[in-house]
């Protein structure tokens, strides 16, 4: 079964000199994890995302009219920063990988199964 592992972190965790060091450390850990998952045939895709200020959201109202909004639509303290697309036998296996995903303090990792068509 395929799962999306979504990584949410406060972008402020990567500001300033301390934040830059934290980002370098976390990216290095992501590279190590991704290499392991790819070698095991588990990771199908994955990427980090550009900062939240680069986002544009298409909003569709109840009548079907659409409008564009700068930034992400969800109002959260954390922003979606990247993802892994993995294929494993079950949710327990996906959660075991999610626990290995490095995040900044305050970060969250969401695991969601993909719809199989």
PDB file of N, CA and C in Angstrom:
ATOM      1  N   UNK A   1       0.840  -1.171   0.000  1.00  0.00           N
ATOM      2  CA  UNK A   1       0.000   0.000   0.000  1.00  0.00           C
ATOM      3  C   UNK A   1       0.886   1.236   0.000  1.00  0.00           C
ATOM      4  N   UNK A   2       0.435   2.283  -0.693  1.00  0.00           N
ATOM      5  CA  UNK A   2       1.208   3.513  -0.736  1.00  0.00           C
ATOM      6  C   UNK A   2       0.698   4.519   0.295  1.00  0.00           C
ATOM      7  N   UNK A   3       1.648   5.210   0.906  1.00  0.00           N
ATOM      8  CA  UNK A   3       1.356   6.224   1.919  1.00  0.00           C
ATOM      9  C   UNK A   3       2.123   7.496   1.588  1.00  0.00           C
ATOM     10  N   UNK A   4       1.507   8.611   1.891  1.00  0.00           N
ATOM     11  CA  UNK A   4       2.170   9.898   1.796  1.00  0.00           C
ATOM     12  C   UNK A   4       2.566  10.297   3.209  1.00  0.00           C
ATOM     13  N   UNK A   5       3.815  10.593   3.398  1.00  0.00           N
ATOM     14  CA  UNK A   5       4.306  11.108   4.667  1.00  0.00           C
ATOM     15  C   UNK A   5       4.527  12.600   4.462  1.00  0.00           C
ATOM     16  N   UNK A   6       3.724  13.403   5.142  1.00  0.00           N
ATOM     17  CA  UNK A   6       3.742  14.851   4.982  1.00  0.00           C
ATOM     18  C   UNK A   6       4.446  15.483   6.173  1.00  0.00           C
ATOM     19  N   UNK A   7       5.358  16.400   5.898  1.00  0.00           N
ATOM     20  CA  UNK A   7       6.196  16.990   6.934  1.00  0.00           C
ATOM     21  C   UNK A   7       5.784  18.446   7.147  1.00  0.00           C
ATOM     22  N   UNK A   8       5.345  18.748   8.359  1.00  0.00           N
ATOM     23  CA  UNK A   8       4.929  20.107   8.715  1.00  0.00           C
ATOM     24  C   UNK A   8       5.879  20.655   9.764  1.00  0.00           C
ATOM     25  N   UNK A   9       6.392  21.851   9.512  1.00  0.00           N
ATOM     26  CA  UNK A   9       7.298  22.492  10.452  1.00  0.00           C
ATOM     27  C   UNK A   9       7.040  23.993  10.458  1.00  0.00           C
ATOM     28  N   UNK A  10       7.320  24.646  11.572  1.00  0.00           N
ATOM     29  CA  UNK A  10       7.248  26.111  11.578  1.00  0.00           C
ATOM     30  C   UNK A  10       8.460  26.649  10.810  1.00  0.00           C
ATOM     31  N   UNK A  11       8.210  27.434   9.768  1.00  0.00           N
ATOM     32  CA  UNK A  11       9.327  27.969   8.986  1.00  0.00           C
ATOM     33  C   UNK A  11      10.261  28.819   9.845  1.00  0.00           C
ATOM     34  N   UNK A  12       9.737  29.400  10.904  1.00  0.00           N
ATOM     35  CA  UNK A  12      10.563  30.232  11.778  1.00  0.00           C
ATOM     36  C   UNK A  12      11.684  29.420  12.440  1.00  0.00           C
ATOM     37  N   UNK A  13      11.539  28.105  12.480  1.00  0.00           N
ATOM     38  CA  UNK A  13      12.575  27.262  13.080  1.00  0.00           C
ATOM     39  C   UNK A  13      13.875  27.297  12.290  1.00  0.00           C
ATOM     40  N   UNK A  14      13.819  27.808  11.059  1.00  0.00           N
ATOM     41  CA  UNK A  14      14.990  27.817  10.194  1.00  0.00           C
ATOM     42  C   UNK A  14      15.513  29.229   9.927  1.00  0.00           C
ATOM     43  N   UNK A  15      15.093  30.180  10.746  1.00  0.00           N
ATOM     44  CA  UNK A  15      15.546  31.559  10.583  1.00  0.00           C
ATOM     45  C   UNK A  15      16.814  31.820  11.380  1.00  0.00           C
ATOM     46  N   UNK A  16      17.616  32.748  10.909  1.00  0.00           N
ATOM     47  CA  UNK A  16      18.824  33.145  11.618  1.00  0.00           C
ATOM     48  C   UNK A  16      19.928  32.109  11.516  1.00  0.00           C
ATOM     49  N   UNK A  17      21.019  32.401  12.192  1.00  0.00           N
ATOM     50  CA  UNK A  17      22.193  31.532  12.146  1.00  0.00           C
ATOM     51  C   UNK A  17      21.906  30.154  12.748  1.00  0.00           C
ATOM     52  N   UNK A  18      21.211  30.130  13.875  1.00  0.00           N
ATOM     53  CA  UNK A  18      20.859  28.855  14.510  1.00  0.00           C
ATOM     54  C   UNK A  18      19.940  28.057  13.591  1.00  0.00           C
ATOM     55  N   UNK A  19      18.973  28.725  12.994  1.00  0.00           N
ATOM     56  CA  UNK A  19      18.043  28.061  12.081  1.00  0.00           C
ATOM     57  C   UNK A  19      18.728  27.495  10.850  1.00  0.00           C
ATOM     58  N   UNK A  20      19.709  28.225  10.333  1.00  0.00           N
ATOM     59  CA  UNK A  20      20.450  27.739   9.166  1.00  0.00           C
ATOM     60  C   UNK A  20      21.224  26.471   9.508  1.00  0.00           C
ATOM     61  N   UNK A  21      21.830  26.444  10.689  1.00  0.00           N
ATOM     62  CA  UNK A  21      22.546  25.229  11.121  1.00  0.00           C
ATOM     63  C   UNK A  21      21.558  24.075  11.306  1.00  0.00           C
ATOM     64  N   UNK A  22      20.390  24.382  11.897  1.00  0.00           N
ATOM     65  CA  UNK A  22      19.363  23.360  12.101  1.00  0.00           C
ATOM     66  C   UNK A  22      18.918  22.803  10.746  1.00  0.00           C
ATOM     67  N   UNK A  23      18.694  23.687   9.774  1.00  0.00           N
ATOM     68  CA  UNK A  23      18.261  23.249   8.452  1.00  0.00           C
ATOM     69  C   UNK A  23      19.301  22.346   7.803  1.00  0.00           C
ATOM     70  N   UNK A  24      20.566  22.734   7.873  1.00  0.00           N
ATOM     71  CA  UNK A  24      21.631  21.916   7.304  1.00  0.00           C
ATOM     72  C   UNK A  24      21.647  20.530   7.940  1.00  0.00           C
ATOM     73  N   UNK A  25      21.511  20.475   9.254  1.00  0.00           N
ATOM     74  CA  UNK A  25      21.493  19.200   9.969  1.00  0.00           C
ATOM     75  C   UNK A  25      20.295  18.340   9.550  1.00  0.00           C
ATOM     76  N   UNK A  26      19.123  18.950   9.517  1.00  0.00           N
ATOM     77  CA  UNK A  26      17.909  18.197   9.183  1.00  0.00           C
ATOM     78  C   UNK A  26      17.931  17.721   7.731  1.00  0.00           C
ATOM     79  N   UNK A  27      18.380  18.559   6.820  1.00  0.00           N
ATOM     80  CA  UNK A  27      18.454  18.151   5.412  1.00  0.00           C
ATOM     81  C   UNK A  27      19.412  16.968   5.265  1.00  0.00           C
ATOM     82  N   UNK A  28      20.533  17.005   5.973  1.00  0.00           N
ATOM     83  CA  UNK A  28      21.461  15.875   5.936  1.00  0.00           C
ATOM     84  C   UNK A  28      20.803  14.588   6.417  1.00  0.00           C
ATOM     85  N   UNK A  29      20.017  14.684   7.465  1.00  0.00           N
ATOM     86  CA  UNK A  29      19.301  13.509   7.975  1.00  0.00           C
ATOM     87  C   UNK A  29      18.251  13.026   6.982  1.00  0.00           C
ATOM     88  N   UNK A  30      17.586  13.958   6.294  1.00  0.00           N
ATOM     89  CA  UNK A  30      16.624  13.561   5.260  1.00  0.00           C
ATOM     90  C   UNK A  30      17.328  12.826   4.124  1.00  0.00           C
ATOM     91  N   UNK A  31      18.483  13.311   3.722  1.00  0.00           N
ATOM     92  CA  UNK A  31      19.218  12.664   2.636  1.00  0.00           C
ATOM     93  C   UNK A  31      19.598  11.233   3.020  1.00  0.00           C
ATOM     94  N   UNK A  32      20.018  11.040   4.271  1.00  0.00           N
ATOM     95  CA  UNK A  32      20.370   9.704   4.748  1.00  0.00           C
ATOM     96  C   UNK A  32      19.149   8.796   4.759  1.00  0.00           C
ATOM     97  N   UNK A  33      18.036   9.291   5.303  1.00  0.00           N
ATOM     98  CA  UNK A  33      16.809   8.493   5.347  1.00  0.00           C
ATOM     99  C   UNK A  33      16.342   8.157   3.935  1.00  0.00           C
ATOM    100  N   UNK A  34      16.318   9.145   3.048  1.00  0.00           N
ATOM    101  CA  UNK A  34      15.860   8.907   1.675  1.00  0.00           C
ATOM    102  C   UNK A  34      16.731   7.860   0.979  1.00  0.00           C
ATOM    103  N   UNK A  35      18.034   7.941   1.166  1.00  0.00           N
ATOM    104  CA  UNK A  35      18.929   6.958   0.542  1.00  0.00           C
ATOM    105  C   UNK A  35      18.621   5.550   1.037  1.00  0.00           C
ATOM    106  N   UNK A  36      18.354   5.412   2.333  1.00  0.00           N
ATOM    107  CA  UNK A  36      18.004   4.099   2.890  1.00  0.00           C
ATOM    108  C   UNK A  36      16.682   3.588   2.317  1.00  0.00           C
ATOM    109  N   UNK A  37      15.688   4.462   2.246  1.00  0.00           N
ATOM    110  CA  UNK A  37      14.374   4.057   1.745  1.00  0.00           C
ATOM    111  C   UNK A  37      14.416   3.709   0.260  1.00  0.00           C
ATOM    112  N   UNK A  38      15.194   4.460  -0.505  1.00  0.00           N
ATOM    113  CA  UNK A  38      15.324   4.170  -1.942  1.00  0.00           C
ATOM    114  C   UNK A  38      16.045   2.839  -2.134  1.00  0.00           C
ATOM    115  N   UNK A  39      17.121   2.629  -1.393  1.00  0.00           N
ATOM    116  CA  UNK A  39      17.872   1.369  -1.509  1.00  0.00           C
ATOM    117  C   UNK A  39      17.007   0.163  -1.157  1.00  0.00           C
ATOM    118  N   UNK A  40      16.058   0.351  -0.224  1.00  0.00           N
ATOM    119  CA  UNK A  40      15.163  -0.737   0.185  1.00  0.00           C
ATOM    120  C   UNK A  40      13.957  -0.869  -0.745  1.00  0.00           C
ATOM    121  N   UNK A  41      13.840   0.023  -1.730  1.00  0.00           N
ATOM    122  CA  UNK A  41      12.704  -0.031  -2.657  1.00  0.00           C
ATOM    123  C   UNK A  41      11.406   0.489  -2.056  1.00  0.00           C
ATOM    124  N   UNK A  42      11.494   1.227  -0.957  1.00  0.00           N
ATOM    125  CA  UNK A  42      10.305   1.715  -0.259  1.00  0.00           C
ATOM    126  C   UNK A  42       9.864   3.080  -0.770  1.00  0.00           C
ATOM    127  N   UNK A  43      10.833   3.987  -0.946  1.00  0.00           N
ATOM    128  CA  UNK A  43      10.480   5.351  -1.361  1.00  0.00           C
ATOM    129  C   UNK A  43      10.227   5.398  -2.859  1.00  0.00           C
ATOM    130  N   UNK A  44       9.076   5.933  -3.231  1.00  0.00           N
ATOM    131  CA  UNK A  44       8.702   6.063  -4.636  1.00  0.00           C
ATOM    132  C   UNK A  44       8.931   7.475  -5.144  1.00  0.00           C
ATOM    133  N   UNK A  45       8.851   8.451  -4.247  1.00  0.00           N
ATOM    134  CA  UNK A  45       9.054   9.848  -4.591  1.00  0.00           C
ATOM    135  C   UNK A  45       9.243  10.618  -3.295  1.00  0.00           C
ATOM    136  N   UNK A  46       9.638  11.847  -3.415  1.00  0.00           N
ATOM    137  CA  UNK A  46       9.769  12.699  -2.255  1.00  0.00           C
ATOM    138  C   UNK A  46      10.471  13.984  -2.636  1.00  0.00           C
ATOM    139  N   UNK A  47      10.180  15.046  -1.914  1.00  0.00           N
ATOM    140  CA  UNK A  47      10.825  16.329  -2.179  1.00  0.00           C
ATOM    141  C   UNK A  47      10.523  17.294  -1.060  1.00  0.00           C
ATOM    142  N   UNK A  48      11.407  18.261  -0.908  1.00  0.00           N
ATOM    143  CA  UNK A  48      11.125  19.396  -0.051  1.00  0.00           C
ATOM    144  C   UNK A  48      10.364  20.424  -0.869  1.00  0.00           C
ATOM    145  N   UNK A  49       9.718  21.343  -0.193  1.00  0.00           N
ATOM    146  CA  UNK A  49       8.963  22.382  -0.876  1.00  0.00           C
ATOM    147  C   UNK A  49       9.602  23.739  -0.654  1.00  0.00           C
ATOM    148  N   UNK A  50       9.401  24.636  -1.601  1.00  0.00           N
ATOM    149  CA  UNK A  50       9.867  26.011  -1.469  1.00  0.00           C
ATOM    150  C   UNK A  50       9.141  26.646  -0.282  1.00  0.00           C
ATOM    151  N   UNK A  51       9.661  27.761   0.258  1.00  0.00           N
ATOM    152  CA  UNK A  51       9.000  28.411   1.398  1.00  0.00           C
ATOM    153  C   UNK A  51       7.551  28.774   1.121  1.00  0.00           C
ATOM    154  N   UNK A  52       6.798  28.920   2.191  1.00  0.00           N
ATOM    155  CA  UNK A  52       5.359  29.141   2.118  1.00  0.00           C
ATOM    156  C   UNK A  52       4.999  30.409   1.337  1.00  0.00           C
ATOM    157  N   UNK A  53       5.872  31.425   1.335  1.00  0.00           N
ATOM    158  CA  UNK A  53       5.538  32.654   0.615  1.00  0.00           C
ATOM    159  C   UNK A  53       5.477  32.442  -0.904  1.00  0.00           C
ATOM    160  N   UNK A  54       5.962  31.299  -1.393  1.00  0.00           N
ATOM    161  CA  UNK A  54       5.898  31.014  -2.830  1.00  0.00           C
ATOM    162  C   UNK A  54       4.596  30.324  -3.225  1.00  0.00           C
ATOM    163  N   UNK A  55       3.769  29.949  -2.259  1.00  0.00           N
ATOM    164  CA  UNK A  55       2.545  29.188  -2.528  1.00  0.00           C
ATOM    165  C   UNK A  55       1.426  30.076  -3.070  1.00  0.00           C
ATOM    166  N   UNK A  56       0.599  29.481  -3.898  1.00  0.00           N
ATOM    167  CA  UNK A  56      -0.653  30.087  -4.365  1.00  0.00           C
ATOM    168  C   UNK A  56      -1.731  29.037  -4.210  1.00  0.00           C
ATOM    169  N   UNK A  57      -2.876  29.425  -3.675  1.00  0.00           N
ATOM    170  CA  UNK A  57      -3.970  28.490  -3.431  1.00  0.00           C
ATOM    171  C   UNK A  57      -5.163  28.866  -4.299  1.00  0.00           C
ATOM    172  N   UNK A  58      -5.753  27.873  -4.958  1.00  0.00           N
ATOM    173  CA  UNK A  58      -6.996  28.058  -5.704  1.00  0.00           C
ATOM    174  C   UNK A  58      -8.134  27.680  -4.765  1.00  0.00           C
ATOM    175  N   UNK A  59      -9.024  28.632  -4.478  1.00  0.00           N
ATOM    176  CA  UNK A  59     -10.148  28.413  -3.574  1.00  0.00           C
ATOM    177  C   UNK A  59     -11.431  28.368  -4.412  1.00  0.00           C
ATOM    178  N   UNK A  60     -12.225  27.316  -4.217  1.00  0.00           N
ATOM    179  CA  UNK A  60     -13.507  27.179  -4.911  1.00  0.00           C
ATOM    180  C   UNK A  60     -14.614  27.355  -3.889  1.00  0.00           C
ATOM    181  N   UNK A  61     -15.502  28.340  -4.145  1.00  0.00           N
ATOM    182  CA  UNK A  61     -16.582  28.582  -3.186  1.00  0.00           C
ATOM    183  C   UNK A  61     -17.757  27.642  -3.446  1.00  0.00           C
ATOM    184  N   UNK A  62     -18.800  27.758  -2.640  1.00  0.00           N
ATOM    185  CA  UNK A  62     -19.955  26.860  -2.722  1.00  0.00           C
ATOM    186  C   UNK A  62     -20.643  26.916  -4.074  1.00  0.00           C
ATOM    187  N   UNK A  63     -20.554  28.045  -4.756  1.00  0.00           N
ATOM    188  CA  UNK A  63     -21.192  28.194  -6.071  1.00  0.00           C
ATOM    189  C   UNK A  63     -20.287  27.726  -7.204  1.00  0.00           C
ATOM    190  N   UNK A  64     -19.071  27.343  -6.890  1.00  0.00           N
ATOM    191  CA  UNK A  64     -18.148  26.859  -7.905  1.00  0.00           C
ATOM    192  C   UNK A  64     -17.205  27.930  -8.440  1.00  0.00           C
ATOM    193  N   UNK A  65     -17.343  29.173  -7.990  1.00  0.00           N
ATOM    194  CA  UNK A  65     -16.447  30.237  -8.428  1.00  0.00           C
ATOM    195  C   UNK A  65     -15.080  30.048  -7.776  1.00  0.00           C
ATOM    196  N   UNK A  66     -14.054  30.333  -8.546  1.00  0.00           N
ATOM    197  CA  UNK A  66     -12.704  30.151  -8.037  1.00  0.00           C
ATOM    198  C   UNK A  66     -11.983  31.484  -7.899  1.00  0.00           C
ATOM    199  N   UNK A  67     -11.114  31.550  -6.906  1.00  0.00           N
ATOM    200  CA  UNK A  67     -10.268  32.726  -6.709  1.00  0.00           C
ATOM    201  C   UNK A  67      -8.879  32.257  -6.296  1.00  0.00           C
ATOM    202  N   UNK A  68      -7.889  33.099  -6.569  1.00  0.00           N
ATOM    203  CA  UNK A  68      -6.504  32.783  -6.222  1.00  0.00           C
ATOM    204  C   UNK A  68      -6.102  33.566  -4.984  1.00  0.00           C
ATOM    205  N   UNK A  69      -5.349  32.897  -4.111  1.00  0.00           N
ATOM    206  CA  UNK A  69      -4.876  33.523  -2.882  1.00  0.00           C
ATOM    207  C   UNK A  69      -3.388  33.255  -2.732  1.00  0.00           C
ATOM    208  N   UNK A  70      -2.644  34.274  -2.351  1.00  0.00           N
ATOM    209  CA  UNK A  70      -1.220  34.083  -2.083  1.00  0.00           C
ATOM    210  C   UNK A  70      -1.063  33.259  -0.822  1.00  0.00           C
ATOM    211  N   UNK A  71      -0.087  32.375  -0.836  1.00  0.00           N
ATOM    212  CA  UNK A  71       0.221  31.577   0.339  1.00  0.00           C
ATOM    213  C   UNK A  71      -0.665  30.358   0.479  1.00  0.00           C
ATOM    214  N   UNK A  72      -0.385  29.582   1.503  1.00  0.00           N
ATOM    215  CA  UNK A  72      -1.199  28.392   1.753  1.00  0.00           C
ATOM    216  C   UNK A  72      -2.551  28.806   2.314  1.00  0.00           C
ATOM    217  N   UNK A  73      -3.567  28.001   2.063  1.00  0.00           N
ATOM    218  CA  UNK A  73      -4.914  28.333   2.533  1.00  0.00           C
ATOM    219  C   UNK A  73      -5.113  27.947   3.989  1.00  0.00           C
ATOM    220  N   UNK A  74      -4.532  26.826   4.389  1.00  0.00           N
ATOM    221  CA  UNK A  74      -4.713  26.369   5.767  1.00  0.00           C
ATOM    222  C   UNK A  74      -4.069  27.352   6.728  1.00  0.00           C
ATOM    223  N   UNK A  75      -4.758  27.671   7.779  1.00  0.00           N
ATOM    224  CA  UNK A  75      -4.221  28.575   8.792  1.00  0.00           C
ATOM    225  C   UNK A  75      -3.676  27.738   9.942  1.00  0.00           C
ATOM    226  N   UNK A  76      -2.391  27.468   9.863  1.00  0.00           N
ATOM    227  CA  UNK A  76      -1.734  26.645  10.876  1.00  0.00           C
ATOM    228  C   UNK A  76      -0.444  27.327  11.317  1.00  0.00           C
ATOM    229  N   UNK A  77       0.125  26.838  12.391  1.00  0.00           N
ATOM    230  CA  UNK A  77       1.409  27.361  12.857  1.00  0.00           C
ATOM    231  C   UNK A  77       2.559  26.697  12.114  1.00  0.00           C
ATOM    232  N   UNK A  78       2.288  25.548  11.514  1.00  0.00           N
ATOM    233  CA  UNK A  78       3.304  24.840  10.766  1.00  0.00           C
ATOM    234  C   UNK A  78       2.931  24.878   9.285  1.00  0.00           C
ATOM    235  N   UNK A  79       3.930  24.785   8.425  1.00  0.00           N
ATOM    236  CA  UNK A  79       3.697  24.762   6.997  1.00  0.00           C
ATOM    237  C   UNK A  79       4.161  23.423   6.436  1.00  0.00           C
ATOM    238  N   UNK A  80       3.479  22.989   5.382  1.00  0.00           N
ATOM    239  CA  UNK A  80       3.890  21.772   4.694  1.00  0.00           C
ATOM    240  C   UNK A  80       5.230  22.049   4.042  1.00  0.00           C
ATOM    241  N   UNK A  81       6.242  21.310   4.458  1.00  0.00           N
ATOM    242  CA  UNK A  81       7.591  21.572   3.983  1.00  0.00           C
ATOM    243  C   UNK A  81       8.140  20.537   3.030  1.00  0.00           C
ATOM    244  N   UNK A  82       7.509  19.370   2.968  1.00  0.00           N
ATOM    245  CA  UNK A  82       7.988  18.326   2.081  1.00  0.00           C
ATOM    246  C   UNK A  82       7.222  17.046   2.303  1.00  0.00           C
ATOM    247  N   UNK A  83       7.605  16.023   1.552  1.00  0.00           N
ATOM    248  CA  UNK A  83       6.885  14.757   1.635  1.00  0.00           C
ATOM    249  C   UNK A  83       7.764  13.599   1.195  1.00  0.00           C
ATOM    250  N   UNK A  84       7.349  12.427   1.597  1.00  0.00           N
ATOM    251  CA  UNK A  84       7.861  11.161   1.083  1.00  0.00           C
ATOM    252  C   UNK A  84       6.653  10.380   0.581  1.00  0.00           C
ATOM    253  N   UNK A  85       6.768   9.757  -0.567  1.00  0.00           N
ATOM    254  CA  UNK A  85       5.761   8.818  -1.040  1.00  0.00           C
ATOM    255  C   UNK A  85       6.401   7.444  -0.924  1.00  0.00           C
ATOM    256  N   UNK A  86       5.804   6.599  -0.090  1.00  0.00           N
ATOM    257  CA  UNK A  86       6.394   5.291   0.185  1.00  0.00           C
ATOM    258  C   UNK A  86       5.400   4.180  -0.135  1.00  0.00           C
ATOM    259  N   UNK A  87       5.931   2.991  -0.310  1.00  0.00           N
ATOM    260  CA  UNK A  87       5.087   1.813  -0.494  1.00  0.00           C
ATOM    261  C   UNK A  87       5.562   0.749   0.483  1.00  0.00           C
ATOM    262  N   UNK A  88       4.672   0.402   1.421  1.00  0.00           N
ATOM    263  CA  UNK A  88       4.974  -0.578   2.463  1.00  0.00           C
ATOM    264  C   UNK A  88       3.757  -1.484   2.649  1.00  0.00           C
ATOM    265  N   UNK A  89       3.899  -2.489   3.483  1.00  0.00           N
ATOM    266  CA  UNK A  89       2.833  -3.485   3.626  1.00  0.00           C
ATOM    267  C   UNK A  89       1.609  -2.975   4.385  1.00  0.00           C
ATOM    268  N   UNK A  90       1.810  -2.058   5.358  1.00  0.00           N
ATOM    269  CA  UNK A  90       0.652  -1.619   6.135  1.00  0.00           C
ATOM    270  C   UNK A  90       0.953  -0.312   6.871  1.00  0.00           C
ATOM    271  N   UNK A  91      -0.040   0.183   7.577  1.00  0.00           N
ATOM    272  CA  UNK A  91       0.095   1.439   8.309  1.00  0.00           C
ATOM    273  C   UNK A  91       1.192   1.365   9.363  1.00  0.00           C
ATOM    274  N   UNK A  92       1.316   0.254  10.037  1.00  0.00           N
ATOM    275  CA  UNK A  92       2.356   0.127  11.058  1.00  0.00           C
ATOM    276  C   UNK A  92       3.749   0.343  10.459  1.00  0.00           C
ATOM    277  N   UNK A  93       3.977  -0.200   9.282  1.00  0.00           N
ATOM    278  CA  UNK A  93       5.271  -0.014   8.616  1.00  0.00           C
ATOM    279  C   UNK A  93       5.457   1.445   8.214  1.00  0.00           C
ATOM    280  N   UNK A  94       4.398   2.092   7.744  1.00  0.00           N
ATOM    281  CA  UNK A  94       4.472   3.503   7.374  1.00  0.00           C
ATOM    282  C   UNK A  94       4.757   4.368   8.604  1.00  0.00           C
ATOM    283  N   UNK A  95       4.106   4.051   9.715  1.00  0.00           N
ATOM    284  CA  UNK A  95       4.328   4.812  10.944  1.00  0.00           C
ATOM    285  C   UNK A  95       5.750   4.633  11.468  1.00  0.00           C
ATOM    286  N   UNK A  96       6.301   3.451  11.305  1.00  0.00           N
ATOM    287  CA  UNK A  96       7.684   3.214  11.728  1.00  0.00           C
ATOM    288  C   UNK A  96       8.639   4.121  10.950  1.00  0.00           C
ATOM    289  N   UNK A  97       8.370   4.314   9.672  1.00  0.00           N
ATOM    290  CA  UNK A  97       9.198   5.217   8.864  1.00  0.00           C
ATOM    291  C   UNK A  97       8.933   6.663   9.265  1.00  0.00           C
ATOM    292  N   UNK A  98       7.676   7.018   9.468  1.00  0.00           N
ATOM    293  CA  UNK A  98       7.334   8.388   9.849  1.00  0.00           C
ATOM    294  C   UNK A  98       8.042   8.813  11.130  1.00  0.00           C
ATOM    295  N   UNK A  99       8.227   7.891  12.042  1.00  0.00           N
ATOM    296  CA  UNK A  99       8.918   8.202  13.299  1.00  0.00           C
ATOM    297  C   UNK A  99      10.398   8.521  13.069  1.00  0.00           C
ATOM    298  N   UNK A 100      10.928   8.114  11.926  1.00  0.00           N
ATOM    299  CA  UNK A 100      12.335   8.366  11.601  1.00  0.00           C
ATOM    300  C   UNK A 100      12.540   9.686  10.862  1.00  0.00           C
ATOM    301  N   UNK A 101      11.465  10.333  10.446  1.00  0.00           N
ATOM    302  CA  UNK A 101      11.573  11.571   9.673  1.00  0.00           C
ATOM    303  C   UNK A 101      12.042  12.709  10.584  1.00  0.00           C
ATOM    304  N   UNK A 102      13.165  13.342  10.241  1.00  0.00           N
ATOM    305  CA  UNK A 102      13.671  14.425  11.080  1.00  0.00           C
ATOM    306  C   UNK A 102      12.844  15.697  10.896  1.00  0.00           C
ATOM    307  N   UNK A 103      12.503  16.338  12.004  1.00  0.00           N
ATOM    308  CA  UNK A 103      11.771  17.607  11.962  1.00  0.00           C
ATOM    309  C   UNK A 103      12.358  18.569  12.983  1.00  0.00           C
ATOM    310  N   UNK A 104      12.106  19.844  12.745  1.00  0.00           N
ATOM    311  CA  UNK A 104      12.513  20.882  13.688  1.00  0.00           C
ATOM    312  C   UNK A 104      11.599  20.824  14.907  1.00  0.00           C
ATOM    313  N   UNK A 105      12.023  21.413  16.015  1.00  0.00           N
ATOM    314  CA  UNK A 105      11.140  21.480  17.183  1.00  0.00           C
ATOM    315  C   UNK A 105       9.786  22.070  16.805  1.00  0.00           C
ATOM    316  N   UNK A 106       8.730  21.437  17.249  1.00  0.00           N
ATOM    317  CA  UNK A 106       7.383  21.877  16.896  1.00  0.00           C
ATOM    318  C   UNK A 106       6.853  21.245  15.623  1.00  0.00           C
ATOM    319  N   UNK A 107       7.677  20.460  14.949  1.00  0.00           N
ATOM    320  CA  UNK A 107       7.272  19.837  13.692  1.00  0.00           C
ATOM    321  C   UNK A 107       6.350  18.655  13.895  1.00  0.00           C
ATOM    322  N   UNK A 108       5.638  18.324  12.840  1.00  0.00           N
ATOM    323  CA  UNK A 108       4.713  17.193  12.851  1.00  0.00           C
ATOM    324  C   UNK A 108       4.877  16.400  11.560  1.00  0.00           C
ATOM    325  N   UNK A 109       4.607  15.106  11.640  1.00  0.00           N
ATOM    326  CA  UNK A 109       4.666  14.247  10.465  1.00  0.00           C
ATOM    327  C   UNK A 109       3.324  13.542  10.358  1.00  0.00           C
ATOM    328  N   UNK A 110       2.660  13.727   9.226  1.00  0.00           N
ATOM    329  CA  UNK A 110       1.339  13.131   8.992  1.00  0.00           C
ATOM    330  C   UNK A 110       1.487  11.963   8.030  1.00  0.00           C
ATOM    331  N   UNK A 111       0.805  10.876   8.289  1.00  0.00           N
ATOM    332  CA  UNK A 111       0.818   9.700   7.423  1.00  0.00           C
ATOM    333  C   UNK A 111      -0.580   9.489   6.884  1.00  0.00           C
ATOM    334  N   UNK A 112      -0.703   9.441   5.553  1.00  0.00           N
ATOM    335  CA  UNK A 112      -2.027   9.236   4.934  1.00  0.00           C
ATOM    336  C   UNK A 112      -1.926   8.231   3.819  1.00  0.00           C
ATOM    337  N   UNK A 113      -2.817   7.251   3.812  1.00  0.00           N
ATOM    338  CA  UNK A 113      -2.804   6.279   2.710  1.00  0.00           C
ATOM    339  C   UNK A 113      -3.335   6.926   1.429  1.00  0.00           C
ATOM    340  N   UNK A 114      -2.788   6.501   0.311  1.00  0.00           N
ATOM    341  CA  UNK A 114      -3.287   6.950  -0.973  1.00  0.00           C
ATOM    342  C   UNK A 114      -4.502   6.116  -1.361  1.00  0.00           C
ATOM    343  N   UNK A 115      -5.376   6.677  -2.132  1.00  0.00           N
ATOM    344  CA  UNK A 115      -6.524   5.931  -2.656  1.00  0.00           C
ATOM    345  C   UNK A 115      -6.025   5.050  -3.789  1.00  0.00           C
ATOM    346  N   UNK A 116      -6.307   3.772  -3.723  1.00  0.00           N
ATOM    347  CA  UNK A 116      -5.912   2.838  -4.771  1.00  0.00           C
ATOM    348  C   UNK A 116      -7.043   2.744  -5.792  1.00  0.00           C
ATOM    349  N   UNK A 117      -6.720   3.062  -7.019  1.00  0.00           N
ATOM    350  CA  UNK A 117      -7.734   2.978  -8.097  1.00  0.00           C
ATOM    351  C   UNK A 117      -7.569   1.729  -8.891  1.00  0.00           C
TER     352      UNK A 117
END
